[in-house]
Amino acid sequence: MRLSLIAAAAVACLALGACSQKTQNDAAAAGDHAAAAADRAGDATVSAAHDAAANTSAAANTAAADTSAAAAKAGRKMDAAADAAAKQK
């Protein structure tokens, strides 16, 4: 009886040890997955920030070009008005 109780306790300890190892393995795998997900999220954030900066730069360049074109057009109109006024004198 005593021997069977010791054997049962030993089997139970081995089973718990096996469960514990599986739990540790599962926890380690979950940690690895979480780390990989965090890396992907970080990469996505960097990519989005880069895209936003590129879009902002493109918009600023377009606005500058449009402003320059408008200023040139206004300058030409002023020159034309000055020429017209000079002809009227």
Protein backbone atom coordinates (compact mmCIF):
# COMPACT_ATOMS: atom_id res chain seq x y z
CA MET A 1 0.00 0.00 0.00
CA ARG A 2 2.73 2.40 0.95
CA LEU A 3 4.69 1.56 -2.20
CA SER A 4 1.67 2.15 -4.43
CA LEU A 5 1.03 5.49 -2.71
CA ILE A 6 4.65 6.54 -3.32
CA ALA A 7 4.38 5.38 -6.94
CA ALA A 8 1.14 7.32 -7.40
CA ALA A 9 2.74 10.42 -5.88
CA ALA A 10 5.75 10.05 -8.19
CA VAL A 11 3.47 9.69 -11.23
CA ALA A 12 1.51 12.73 -10.10
CA CYS A 13 4.73 14.74 -9.71
CA LEU A 14 5.89 13.71 -13.17
CA ALA A 15 2.50 14.63 -14.64
CA LEU A 16 2.58 18.01 -12.92
CA GLY A 17 6.12 18.54 -14.10
CA ALA A 18 5.10 17.75 -17.67
CA CYS A 19 2.13 20.12 -17.40
CA SER A 20 4.37 22.76 -15.94
CA GLN A 21 6.82 22.41 -18.83
CA LYS A 22 3.99 22.64 -21.34
CA THR A 23 2.67 25.71 -19.57
CA GLN A 24 6.13 27.26 -19.63
CA ASN A 25 6.51 26.46 -23.32
CA ASP A 26 3.08 27.93 -24.06
CA ALA A 27 3.88 31.05 -22.05
CA ALA A 28 7.21 31.45 -23.85
CA ALA A 29 5.49 31.05 -27.23
CA ALA A 30 2.87 33.61 -26.25
CA GLY A 31 5.64 35.99 -25.21
CA ASP A 32 7.38 35.47 -28.55
CA HIS A 33 4.14 36.16 -30.41
CA ALA A 34 3.54 39.30 -28.37
CA ALA A 35 7.07 40.53 -29.07
CA ALA A 36 6.65 39.87 -32.80
CA ALA A 37 3.32 41.72 -32.80
CA ALA A 38 4.92 44.67 -31.01
CA ASP A 39 7.72 44.72 -33.59
CA ARG A 40 5.20 44.73 -36.44
CA ALA A 41 3.21 47.50 -34.76
CA GLY A 42 6.39 49.53 -34.31
CA ASP A 43 7.32 49.01 -37.96
CA ALA A 44 3.83 50.06 -39.05
CA THR A 45 4.05 53.19 -36.91
CA VAL A 46 7.42 54.14 -38.40
CA SER A 47 6.10 53.51 -41.90
CA ALA A 48 2.99 55.62 -41.28
CA ALA A 49 5.09 58.45 -39.85
CA HIS A 50 7.40 58.30 -42.87
CA ASP A 51 4.43 58.37 -45.25
CA ALA A 52 2.88 61.29 -43.38
CA ALA A 53 6.14 63.23 -43.56
CA ALA A 54 6.45 62.54 -47.27
CA ASN A 55 2.85 63.61 -47.88
CA THR A 56 3.34 66.78 -45.83
CA SER A 57 6.50 67.60 -47.75
CA ALA A 58 4.76 67.04 -51.08
CA ALA A 59 1.85 69.25 -50.01
CA ALA A 60 4.23 71.99 -48.88
CA ASN A 61 6.12 71.81 -52.19
CA THR A 62 2.86 72.00 -54.13
CA ALA A 63 1.69 74.98 -52.07
CA ALA A 64 5.00 76.74 -52.63
CA ALA A 65 4.84 76.13 -56.37
CA ASP A 66 1.23 77.34 -56.53
CA THR A 67 2.12 80.46 -54.54
CA SER A 68 5.06 81.17 -56.80
CA ALA A 69 2.91 80.74 -59.90
CA ALA A 70 0.23 83.04 -58.47
CA ALA A 71 2.85 85.67 -57.59
CA ALA A 72 4.30 85.49 -61.12
CA LYS A 73 0.82 85.86 -62.63
CA ALA A 74 0.07 88.84 -60.38
CA GLY A 75 3.40 90.39 -61.40
CA ARG A 76 2.55 89.98 -65.09
CA LYS A 77 -0.85 91.59 -64.54
CA MET A 78 0.77 94.51 -62.71
CA ASP A 79 3.22 94.95 -65.57
CA ALA A 80 0.39 94.88 -68.09
CA ALA A 81 -1.57 97.42 -66.06
CA ALA A 82 1.48 99.66 -65.81
CA ASP A 83 2.03 99.39 -69.57
CA ALA A 84 -1.60 100.24 -70.22
CA ALA A 85 -1.42 103.21 -67.88
CA ALA A 86 1.78 104.43 -69.56
CA LYS A 87 0.12 104.23 -73.00
CA GLN A 88 -2.83 106.27 -71.75
CA LYS A 89 -0.65 109.22 -70.73
